[in-house]
Amino acid sequence: MTTLAIQTRPSAITSHGFDLSPPVRIFLSVACFTLSFFALIALSRAAFGLVPDLRHYDKLPVWIHVASVLPAIPLGGYLLLARKGTRRHKQLGKLWLVLMLSTATSAILITSGGGYSPIHLLIPATFHAAWKTVATARRGDIAGHKKHLVITYIAALLVPGLIAFAIPGRLMNQLVFG
Protein backbone atom coordinates (compact mmCIF):
# COMPACT_ATOMS: atom_id res chain seq x y z
CA MET A 1 0.00 0.00 0.00
CA THR A 2 1.39 3.36 -0.96
CA THR A 3 0.46 6.72 0.36
CA LEU A 4 0.21 9.79 -1.73
CA ALA A 5 1.92 12.78 -0.23
CA ILE A 6 0.48 16.01 -1.48
CA GLN A 7 2.86 18.89 -1.32
CA THR A 8 1.38 22.31 -1.18
CA ARG A 9 3.10 25.60 -1.52
CA PRO A 10 2.54 28.08 1.30
CA SER A 11 0.93 30.44 -1.20
CA ALA A 12 -1.59 27.76 -2.13
CA ILE A 13 -2.62 27.42 1.50
CA THR A 14 -3.12 31.15 1.86
CA SER A 15 -4.48 31.81 -1.62
CA HIS A 16 -7.53 33.47 -0.11
CA GLY A 17 -5.51 35.25 2.56
CA PHE A 18 -3.94 38.67 2.45
CA ASP A 19 -1.11 38.86 -0.04
CA LEU A 20 -0.20 42.51 -0.30
CA SER A 21 3.22 43.49 0.90
CA PRO A 22 3.63 44.38 4.59
CA PRO A 23 4.34 48.08 3.85
CA VAL A 24 1.13 48.34 1.79
CA ARG A 25 -0.79 46.55 4.52
CA ILE A 26 0.58 48.95 7.16
CA PHE A 27 -0.18 51.97 4.96
CA LEU A 28 -3.77 50.83 4.35
CA SER A 29 -4.29 50.05 8.06
CA VAL A 30 -3.00 53.43 9.23
CA ALA A 31 -4.85 55.35 6.52
CA CYS A 32 -8.13 53.52 7.20
CA PHE A 33 -7.85 54.02 10.95
CA THR A 34 -6.89 57.70 10.62
CA LEU A 35 -9.68 58.55 8.20
CA SER A 36 -12.22 56.60 10.26
CA PHE A 37 -11.02 58.36 13.42
CA PHE A 38 -11.42 61.83 11.88
CA ALA A 39 -14.85 60.84 10.54
CA LEU A 40 -15.89 59.78 14.04
CA ILE A 41 -14.67 63.11 15.45
CA ALA A 42 -16.59 64.98 12.73
CA LEU A 43 -19.82 63.11 13.40
CA SER A 44 -19.45 63.50 17.16
CA ARG A 45 -18.88 67.26 16.89
CA ALA A 46 -21.92 67.58 14.62
CA ALA A 47 -24.10 65.42 16.90
CA PHE A 48 -23.23 67.50 19.95
CA GLY A 49 -23.68 70.84 18.18
CA LEU A 50 -20.01 71.80 18.43
CA VAL A 51 -19.75 73.14 14.89
CA PRO A 52 -20.74 76.44 13.32
CA ASP A 53 -23.88 76.89 11.28
CA LEU A 54 -23.95 74.29 8.51
CA ARG A 55 -27.20 75.26 6.79
CA HIS A 56 -25.55 75.49 3.38
CA TYR A 57 -24.72 71.77 3.65
CA ASP A 58 -28.31 70.85 4.49
CA LYS A 59 -29.04 69.22 1.15
CA LEU A 60 -30.16 65.63 0.62
CA PRO A 61 -27.36 64.70 -1.85
CA VAL A 62 -24.73 65.88 0.64
CA TRP A 63 -26.17 63.76 3.44
CA ILE A 64 -26.58 60.71 1.18
CA HIS A 65 -22.96 61.18 0.12
CA VAL A 66 -21.72 61.45 3.70
CA ALA A 67 -23.93 58.60 4.94
CA SER A 68 -22.65 56.26 2.24
CA VAL A 69 -18.98 57.23 2.21
CA LEU A 70 -18.38 57.12 5.97
CA PRO A 71 -19.13 53.39 6.42
CA ALA A 72 -17.32 52.64 3.15
CA ILE A 73 -14.01 53.80 4.67
CA PRO A 74 -13.68 51.25 7.49
CA LEU A 75 -15.55 48.54 5.57
CA GLY A 76 -13.21 48.88 2.60
CA GLY A 77 -10.19 48.77 4.89
CA TYR A 78 -11.53 45.66 6.59
CA LEU A 79 -12.15 43.95 3.26
CA LEU A 80 -8.63 44.71 2.06
CA LEU A 81 -7.07 43.38 5.25
CA ALA A 82 -9.32 40.42 6.14
CA ARG A 83 -9.41 36.89 4.75
CA LYS A 84 -10.48 36.77 1.12
CA GLY A 85 -12.82 34.47 -0.77
CA THR A 86 -15.15 33.68 2.12
CA ARG A 87 -18.91 34.10 1.99
CA ARG A 88 -18.62 37.02 4.41
CA HIS A 89 -16.01 38.70 2.17
CA LYS A 90 -18.27 38.39 -0.86
CA GLN A 91 -21.35 39.71 0.96
CA LEU A 92 -19.51 42.64 2.55
CA GLY A 93 -17.82 43.32 -0.78
CA LYS A 94 -21.21 43.71 -2.42
CA LEU A 95 -22.29 46.07 0.36
CA TRP A 96 -19.09 48.10 -0.08
CA LEU A 97 -19.74 48.31 -3.81
CA VAL A 98 -23.28 49.61 -3.21
CA LEU A 99 -21.91 52.21 -0.76
CA MET A 100 -19.31 53.34 -3.30
CA LEU A 101 -21.86 53.59 -6.11
CA SER A 102 -24.22 55.54 -3.82
CA THR A 103 -21.37 57.86 -2.92
CA ALA A 104 -20.48 58.47 -6.58
CA THR A 105 -24.10 58.88 -7.67
CA SER A 106 -24.88 61.41 -4.95
CA ALA A 107 -21.69 63.33 -5.81
CA ILE A 108 -23.14 64.03 -9.26
CA LEU A 109 -25.74 66.22 -7.55
CA ILE A 110 -23.25 68.08 -5.33
CA THR A 111 -21.73 71.19 -6.84
CA SER A 112 -19.78 74.05 -5.37
CA GLY A 113 -20.15 77.55 -6.71
CA GLY A 114 -22.64 76.37 -9.31
CA GLY A 115 -20.28 73.97 -11.06
CA TYR A 116 -18.19 70.86 -10.75
CA SER A 117 -14.73 70.75 -9.24
CA PRO A 118 -11.76 68.57 -10.27
CA ILE A 119 -12.69 66.05 -7.56
CA HIS A 120 -15.80 65.23 -9.61
CA LEU A 121 -13.51 63.44 -12.09
CA LEU A 122 -13.53 60.60 -9.57
CA ILE A 123 -17.22 59.93 -10.29
CA PRO A 124 -16.74 58.21 -13.66
CA ALA A 125 -13.54 56.63 -12.35
CA THR A 126 -15.52 55.08 -9.47
CA PHE A 127 -18.20 53.73 -11.82
CA HIS A 128 -15.50 52.26 -14.06
CA ALA A 129 -13.66 50.75 -11.08
CA ALA A 130 -16.89 49.17 -9.81
CA TRP A 131 -17.45 47.55 -13.18
CA LYS A 132 -13.81 46.36 -13.41
CA THR A 133 -13.80 44.85 -9.91
CA VAL A 134 -16.97 42.86 -10.60
CA ALA A 135 -15.79 41.82 -14.07
CA THR A 136 -12.38 40.65 -12.86
CA ALA A 137 -13.87 38.72 -9.93
CA ARG A 138 -16.41 36.98 -12.17
CA ARG A 139 -13.68 36.09 -14.66
CA GLY A 140 -11.62 34.60 -11.85
CA ASP A 141 -8.85 37.18 -12.27
CA ILE A 142 -8.28 37.60 -8.55
CA ALA A 143 -4.97 39.45 -9.01
CA GLY A 144 -6.73 42.02 -11.23
CA HIS A 145 -9.63 42.20 -8.79
CA LYS A 146 -7.31 42.98 -5.88
CA LYS A 147 -5.35 45.51 -7.93
CA HIS A 148 -8.49 47.42 -8.92
CA LEU A 149 -9.82 47.41 -5.37
CA VAL A 150 -6.62 48.71 -3.80
CA ILE A 151 -6.37 51.46 -6.41
CA THR A 152 -10.06 52.31 -5.97
CA TYR A 153 -9.77 52.40 -2.19
CA ILE A 154 -6.80 54.76 -2.37
CA ALA A 155 -8.00 56.93 -5.27
CA ALA A 156 -11.74 57.09 -4.50
CA LEU A 157 -11.71 57.06 -0.69
CA LEU A 158 -8.36 57.94 0.86
CA VAL A 159 -7.32 60.80 -1.43
CA PRO A 160 -10.75 62.50 -1.51
CA GLY A 161 -11.09 61.88 2.24
CA LEU A 162 -7.77 63.58 2.85
CA ILE A 163 -8.89 66.46 0.65
CA ALA A 164 -12.24 66.70 2.47
CA PHE A 165 -10.53 67.04 5.85
CA ALA A 166 -7.60 69.20 4.71
CA ILE A 167 -9.21 71.93 2.59
CA PRO A 168 -10.92 74.72 4.55
CA GLY A 169 -14.57 75.22 3.69
CA ARG A 170 -15.30 71.58 2.88
CA LEU A 171 -17.90 69.89 5.09
CA MET A 172 -15.56 67.46 6.87
CA ASN A 173 -13.04 70.24 7.49
CA GLN A 174 -15.81 72.36 9.00
CA LEU A 175 -16.99 69.50 11.19
CA VAL A 176 -13.54 68.67 12.57
CA PHE A 177 -11.85 72.06 12.75
CA GLY A 178 -14.86 74.36 13.00
C-alpha atoms as a PDB file:
ATOM      1  CA  MET A   1       0.000   0.000   0.000  1.00  0.00           C
ATOM      2  CA  THR A   2       1.391   3.363  -0.960  1.00  0.00           C
ATOM      3  CA  THR A   3       0.456   6.722   0.361  1.00  0.00           C
ATOM      4  CA  LEU A   4       0.211   9.793  -1.729  1.00  0.00           C
ATOM      5  CA  ALA A   5       1.918  12.782  -0.234  1.00  0.00           C
ATOM      6  CA  ILE A   6       0.484  16.010  -1.475  1.00  0.00           C
ATOM      7  CA  GLN A   7       2.862  18.887  -1.317  1.00  0.00           C
ATOM      8  CA  THR A   8       1.377  22.307  -1.185  1.00  0.00           C
ATOM      9  CA  ARG A   9       3.099  25.599  -1.517  1.00  0.00           C
ATOM     10  CA  PRO A  10       2.539  28.079   1.302  1.00  0.00           C
ATOM     11  CA  SER A  11       0.935  30.443  -1.199  1.00  0.00           C
ATOM     12  CA  ALA A  12      -1.589  27.760  -2.127  1.00  0.00           C
ATOM     13  CA  ILE A  13      -2.619  27.419   1.497  1.00  0.00           C
ATOM     14  CA  THR A  14      -3.120  31.151   1.860  1.00  0.00           C
ATOM     15  CA  SER A  15      -4.482  31.812  -1.623  1.00  0.00           C
ATOM     16  CA  HIS A  16      -7.531  33.474  -0.106  1.00  0.00           C
ATOM     17  CA  GLY A  17      -5.508  35.247   2.555  1.00  0.00           C
ATOM     18  CA  PHE A  18      -3.939  38.667   2.445  1.00  0.00           C
ATOM     19  CA  ASP A  19      -1.113  38.858  -0.039  1.00  0.00           C
ATOM     20  CA  LEU A  20      -0.201  42.514  -0.299  1.00  0.00           C
ATOM     21  CA  SER A  21       3.222  43.488   0.903  1.00  0.00           C
ATOM     22  CA  PRO A  22       3.633  44.381   4.593  1.00  0.00           C
ATOM     23  CA  PRO A  23       4.344  48.082   3.853  1.00  0.00           C
ATOM     24  CA  VAL A  24       1.133  48.337   1.785  1.00  0.00           C
ATOM     25  CA  ARG A  25      -0.785  46.549   4.522  1.00  0.00           C
ATOM     26  CA  ILE A  26       0.580  48.951   7.160  1.00  0.00           C
ATOM     27  CA  PHE A  27      -0.184  51.969   4.959  1.00  0.00           C
ATOM     28  CA  LEU A  28      -3.772  50.833   4.354  1.00  0.00           C
ATOM     29  CA  SER A  29      -4.289  50.050   8.056  1.00  0.00           C
ATOM     30  CA  VAL A  30      -2.996  53.434   9.230  1.00  0.00           C
ATOM     31  CA  ALA A  31      -4.851  55.347   6.518  1.00  0.00           C
ATOM     32  CA  CYS A  32      -8.127  53.518   7.198  1.00  0.00           C
ATOM     33  CA  PHE A  33      -7.847  54.021  10.951  1.00  0.00           C
ATOM     34  CA  THR A  34      -6.887  57.697  10.624  1.00  0.00           C
ATOM     35  CA  LEU A  35      -9.682  58.552   8.201  1.00  0.00           C
ATOM     36  CA  SER A  36     -12.225  56.596  10.264  1.00  0.00           C
ATOM     37  CA  PHE A  37     -11.019  58.357  13.425  1.00  0.00           C
ATOM     38  CA  PHE A  38     -11.422  61.830  11.885  1.00  0.00           C
ATOM     39  CA  ALA A  39     -14.849  60.841  10.537  1.00  0.00           C
ATOM     40  CA  LEU A  40     -15.890  59.783  14.041  1.00  0.00           C
ATOM     41  CA  ILE A  41     -14.671  63.111  15.448  1.00  0.00           C
ATOM     42  CA  ALA A  42     -16.587  64.984  12.727  1.00  0.00           C
ATOM     43  CA  LEU A  43     -19.820  63.109  13.400  1.00  0.00           C
ATOM     44  CA  SER A  44     -19.445  63.504  17.162  1.00  0.00           C
ATOM     45  CA  ARG A  45     -18.882  67.257  16.893  1.00  0.00           C
ATOM     46  CA  ALA A  46     -21.919  67.580  14.619  1.00  0.00           C
ATOM     47  CA  ALA A  47     -24.099  65.421  16.897  1.00  0.00           C
ATOM     48  CA  PHE A  48     -23.230  67.503  19.953  1.00  0.00           C
ATOM     49  CA  GLY A  49     -23.684  70.844  18.181  1.00  0.00           C
ATOM     50  CA  LEU A  50     -20.013  71.798  18.433  1.00  0.00           C
ATOM     51  CA  VAL A  51     -19.749  73.141  14.893  1.00  0.00           C
ATOM     52  CA  PRO A  52     -20.738  76.442  13.320  1.00  0.00           C
ATOM     53  CA  ASP A  53     -23.879  76.894  11.281  1.00  0.00           C
ATOM     54  CA  LEU A  54     -23.949  74.288   8.510  1.00  0.00           C
ATOM     55  CA  ARG A  55     -27.200  75.258   6.793  1.00  0.00           C
ATOM     56  CA  HIS A  56     -25.553  75.494   3.382  1.00  0.00           C
ATOM     57  CA  TYR A  57     -24.719  71.771   3.651  1.00  0.00           C
ATOM     58  CA  ASP A  58     -28.309  70.849   4.489  1.00  0.00           C
ATOM     59  CA  LYS A  59     -29.040  69.220   1.146  1.00  0.00           C
ATOM     60  CA  LEU A  60     -30.159  65.634   0.616  1.00  0.00           C
ATOM     61  CA  PRO A  61     -27.363  64.700  -1.852  1.00  0.00           C
ATOM     62  CA  VAL A  62     -24.730  65.878   0.642  1.00  0.00           C
ATOM     63  CA  TRP A  63     -26.173  63.758   3.437  1.00  0.00           C
ATOM     64  CA  ILE A  64     -26.579  60.714   1.177  1.00  0.00           C
ATOM     65  CA  HIS A  65     -22.965  61.179   0.120  1.00  0.00           C
ATOM     66  CA  VAL A  66     -21.719  61.455   3.705  1.00  0.00           C
ATOM     67  CA  ALA A  67     -23.933  58.601   4.937  1.00  0.00           C
ATOM     68  CA  SER A  68     -22.646  56.264   2.237  1.00  0.00           C
ATOM     69  CA  VAL A  69     -18.975  57.230   2.213  1.00  0.00           C
ATOM     70  CA  LEU A  70     -18.378  57.122   5.975  1.00  0.00           C
ATOM     71  CA  PRO A  71     -19.134  53.394   6.425  1.00  0.00           C
ATOM     72  CA  ALA A  72     -17.316  52.640   3.145  1.00  0.00           C
ATOM     73  CA  ILE A  73     -14.011  53.803   4.666  1.00  0.00           C
ATOM     74  CA  PRO A  74     -13.680  51.246   7.490  1.00  0.00           C
ATOM     75  CA  LEU A  75     -15.551  48.537   5.569  1.00  0.00           C
ATOM     76  CA  GLY A  76     -13.205  48.875   2.600  1.00  0.00           C
ATOM     77  CA  GLY A  77     -10.192  48.768   4.893  1.00  0.00           C
ATOM     78  CA  TYR A  78     -11.533  45.665   6.585  1.00  0.00           C
ATOM     79  CA  LEU A  79     -12.153  43.947   3.256  1.00  0.00           C
ATOM     80  CA  LEU A  80      -8.632  44.710   2.062  1.00  0.00           C
ATOM     81  CA  LEU A  81      -7.071  43.376   5.254  1.00  0.00           C
ATOM     82  CA  ALA A  82      -9.317  40.422   6.135  1.00  0.00           C
ATOM     83  CA  ARG A  83      -9.414  36.887   4.755  1.00  0.00           C
ATOM     84  CA  LYS A  84     -10.477  36.765   1.120  1.00  0.00           C
ATOM     85  CA  GLY A  85     -12.822  34.472  -0.768  1.00  0.00           C
ATOM     86  CA  THR A  86     -15.149  33.681   2.117  1.00  0.00           C
ATOM     87  CA  ARG A  87     -18.909  34.096   1.990  1.00  0.00           C
ATOM     88  CA  ARG A  88     -18.619  37.021   4.408  1.00  0.00           C
ATOM     89  CA  HIS A  89     -16.006  38.696   2.174  1.00  0.00           C
ATOM     90  CA  LYS A  90     -18.270  38.393  -0.859  1.00  0.00           C
ATOM     91  CA  GLN A  91     -21.352  39.713   0.956  1.00  0.00           C
ATOM     92  CA  LEU A  92     -19.508  42.637   2.553  1.00  0.00           C
ATOM     93  CA  GLY A  93     -17.817  43.323  -0.776  1.00  0.00           C
ATOM     94  CA  LYS A  94     -21.213  43.715  -2.421  1.00  0.00           C
ATOM     95  CA  LEU A  95     -22.295  46.071   0.364  1.00  0.00           C
ATOM     96  CA  TRP A  96     -19.089  48.100  -0.075  1.00  0.00           C
ATOM     97  CA  LEU A  97     -19.741  48.312  -3.807  1.00  0.00           C
ATOM     98  CA  VAL A  98     -23.285  49.611  -3.209  1.00  0.00           C
ATOM     99  CA  LEU A  99     -21.912  52.206  -0.763  1.00  0.00           C
ATOM    100  CA  MET A 100     -19.311  53.342  -3.304  1.00  0.00           C
ATOM    101  CA  LEU A 101     -21.856  53.592  -6.113  1.00  0.00           C
ATOM    102  CA  SER A 102     -24.224  55.545  -3.820  1.00  0.00           C
ATOM    103  CA  THR A 103     -21.372  57.863  -2.925  1.00  0.00           C
ATOM    104  CA  ALA A 104     -20.483  58.468  -6.575  1.00  0.00           C
ATOM    105  CA  THR A 105     -24.105  58.879  -7.671  1.00  0.00           C
ATOM    106  CA  SER A 106     -24.875  61.409  -4.948  1.00  0.00           C
ATOM    107  CA  ALA A 107     -21.692  63.328  -5.807  1.00  0.00           C
ATOM    108  CA  ILE A 108     -23.136  64.032  -9.259  1.00  0.00           C
ATOM    109  CA  LEU A 109     -25.738  66.223  -7.546  1.00  0.00           C
ATOM    110  CA  ILE A 110     -23.251  68.077  -5.334  1.00  0.00           C
ATOM    111  CA  THR A 111     -21.725  71.191  -6.839  1.00  0.00           C
ATOM    112  CA  SER A 112     -19.775  74.046  -5.368  1.00  0.00           C
ATOM    113  CA  GLY A 113     -20.148  77.554  -6.708  1.00  0.00           C
ATOM    114  CA  GLY A 114     -22.641  76.372  -9.311  1.00  0.00           C
ATOM    115  CA  GLY A 115     -20.281  73.972 -11.055  1.00  0.00           C
ATOM    116  CA  TYR A 116     -18.189  70.863 -10.749  1.00  0.00           C
ATOM    117  CA  SER A 117     -14.728  70.747  -9.241  1.00  0.00           C
ATOM    118  CA  PRO A 118     -11.760  68.571 -10.274  1.00  0.00           C
ATOM    119  CA  ILE A 119     -12.691  66.051  -7.562  1.00  0.00           C
ATOM    120  CA  HIS A 120     -15.804  65.234  -9.614  1.00  0.00           C
ATOM    121  CA  LEU A 121     -13.509  63.442 -12.092  1.00  0.00           C
ATOM    122  CA  LEU A 122     -13.528  60.601  -9.571  1.00  0.00           C
ATOM    123  CA  ILE A 123     -17.220  59.934 -10.291  1.00  0.00           C
ATOM    124  CA  PRO A 124     -16.742  58.206 -13.661  1.00  0.00           C
ATOM    125  CA  ALA A 125     -13.540  56.628 -12.346  1.00  0.00           C
ATOM    126  CA  THR A 126     -15.522  55.084  -9.467  1.00  0.00           C
ATOM    127  CA  PHE A 127     -18.199  53.725 -11.819  1.00  0.00           C
ATOM    128  CA  HIS A 128     -15.504  52.265 -14.061  1.00  0.00           C
ATOM    129  CA  ALA A 129     -13.658  50.753 -11.080  1.00  0.00           C
ATOM    130  CA  ALA A 130     -16.891  49.168  -9.813  1.00  0.00           C
ATOM    131  CA  TRP A 131     -17.452  47.548 -13.183  1.00  0.00           C
ATOM    132  CA  LYS A 132     -13.811  46.357 -13.405  1.00  0.00           C
ATOM    133  CA  THR A 133     -13.805  44.848  -9.910  1.00  0.00           C
ATOM    134  CA  VAL A 134     -16.967  42.861 -10.596  1.00  0.00           C
ATOM    135  CA  ALA A 135     -15.794  41.820 -14.073  1.00  0.00           C
ATOM    136  CA  THR A 136     -12.377  40.649 -12.857  1.00  0.00           C
ATOM    137  CA  ALA A 137     -13.869  38.724  -9.931  1.00  0.00           C
ATOM    138  CA  ARG A 138     -16.409  36.978 -12.170  1.00  0.00           C
ATOM    139  CA  ARG A 139     -13.679  36.091 -14.664  1.00  0.00           C
ATOM    140  CA  GLY A 140     -11.621  34.597 -11.850  1.00  0.00           C
ATOM    141  CA  ASP A 141      -8.854  37.180 -12.272  1.00  0.00           C
ATOM    142  CA  ILE A 142      -8.281  37.603  -8.547  1.00  0.00           C
ATOM    143  CA  ALA A 143      -4.973  39.453  -9.009  1.00  0.00           C
ATOM    144  CA  GLY A 144      -6.726  42.018 -11.230  1.00  0.00           C
ATOM    145  CA  HIS A 145      -9.635  42.198  -8.789  1.00  0.00           C
ATOM    146  CA  LYS A 146      -7.312  42.983  -5.877  1.00  0.00           C
ATOM    147  CA  LYS A 147      -5.349  45.514  -7.934  1.00  0.00           C
ATOM    148  CA  HIS A 148      -8.495  47.418  -8.923  1.00  0.00           C
ATOM    149  CA  LEU A 149      -9.823  47.412  -5.375  1.00  0.00           C
ATOM    150  CA  VAL A 150      -6.621  48.709  -3.803  1.00  0.00           C
ATOM    151  CA  ILE A 151      -6.368  51.464  -6.413  1.00  0.00           C
ATOM    152  CA  THR A 152     -10.064  52.308  -5.972  1.00  0.00           C
ATOM    153  CA  TYR A 153      -9.766  52.403  -2.186  1.00  0.00           C
ATOM    154  CA  ILE A 154      -6.804  54.764  -2.370  1.00  0.00           C
ATOM    155  CA  ALA A 155      -8.004  56.928  -5.272  1.00  0.00           C
ATOM    156  CA  ALA A 156     -11.739  57.085  -4.504  1.00  0.00           C
ATOM    157  CA  LEU A 157     -11.709  57.060  -0.686  1.00  0.00           C
ATOM    158  CA  LEU A 158      -8.361  57.936   0.857  1.00  0.00           C
ATOM    159  CA  VAL A 159      -7.316  60.795  -1.432  1.00  0.00           C
ATOM    160  CA  PRO A 160     -10.750  62.505  -1.510  1.00  0.00           C
ATOM    161  CA  GLY A 161     -11.086  61.876   2.241  1.00  0.00           C
ATOM    162  CA  LEU A 162      -7.774  63.579   2.852  1.00  0.00           C
ATOM    163  CA  ILE A 163      -8.887  66.464   0.647  1.00  0.00           C
ATOM    164  CA  ALA A 164     -12.236  66.704   2.466  1.00  0.00           C
ATOM    165  CA  PHE A 165     -10.528  67.044   5.846  1.00  0.00           C
ATOM    166  CA  ALA A 166      -7.601  69.204   4.712  1.00  0.00           C
ATOM    167  CA  ILE A 167      -9.214  71.926   2.589  1.00  0.00           C
ATOM    168  CA  PRO A 168     -10.916  74.718   4.547  1.00  0.00           C
ATOM    169  CA  GLY A 169     -14.570  75.216   3.694  1.00  0.00           C
ATOM    170  CA  ARG A 170     -15.298  71.579   2.879  1.00  0.00           C
ATOM    171  CA  LEU A 171     -17.896  69.886   5.086  1.00  0.00           C
ATOM    172  CA  MET A 172     -15.564  67.459   6.870  1.00  0.00           C
ATOM    173  CA  ASN A 173     -13.037  70.236   7.494  1.00  0.00           C
ATOM    174  CA  GLN A 174     -15.810  72.364   9.000  1.00  0.00           C
ATOM    175  CA  LEU A 175     -16.993  69.501  11.189  1.00  0.00           C
ATOM    176  CA  VAL A 176     -13.538  68.667  12.574  1.00  0.00           C
ATOM    177  CA  PHE A 177     -11.850  72.064  12.748  1.00  0.00           C
ATOM    178  CA  GLY A 178     -14.856  74.364  12.996  1.00  0.00           C
END
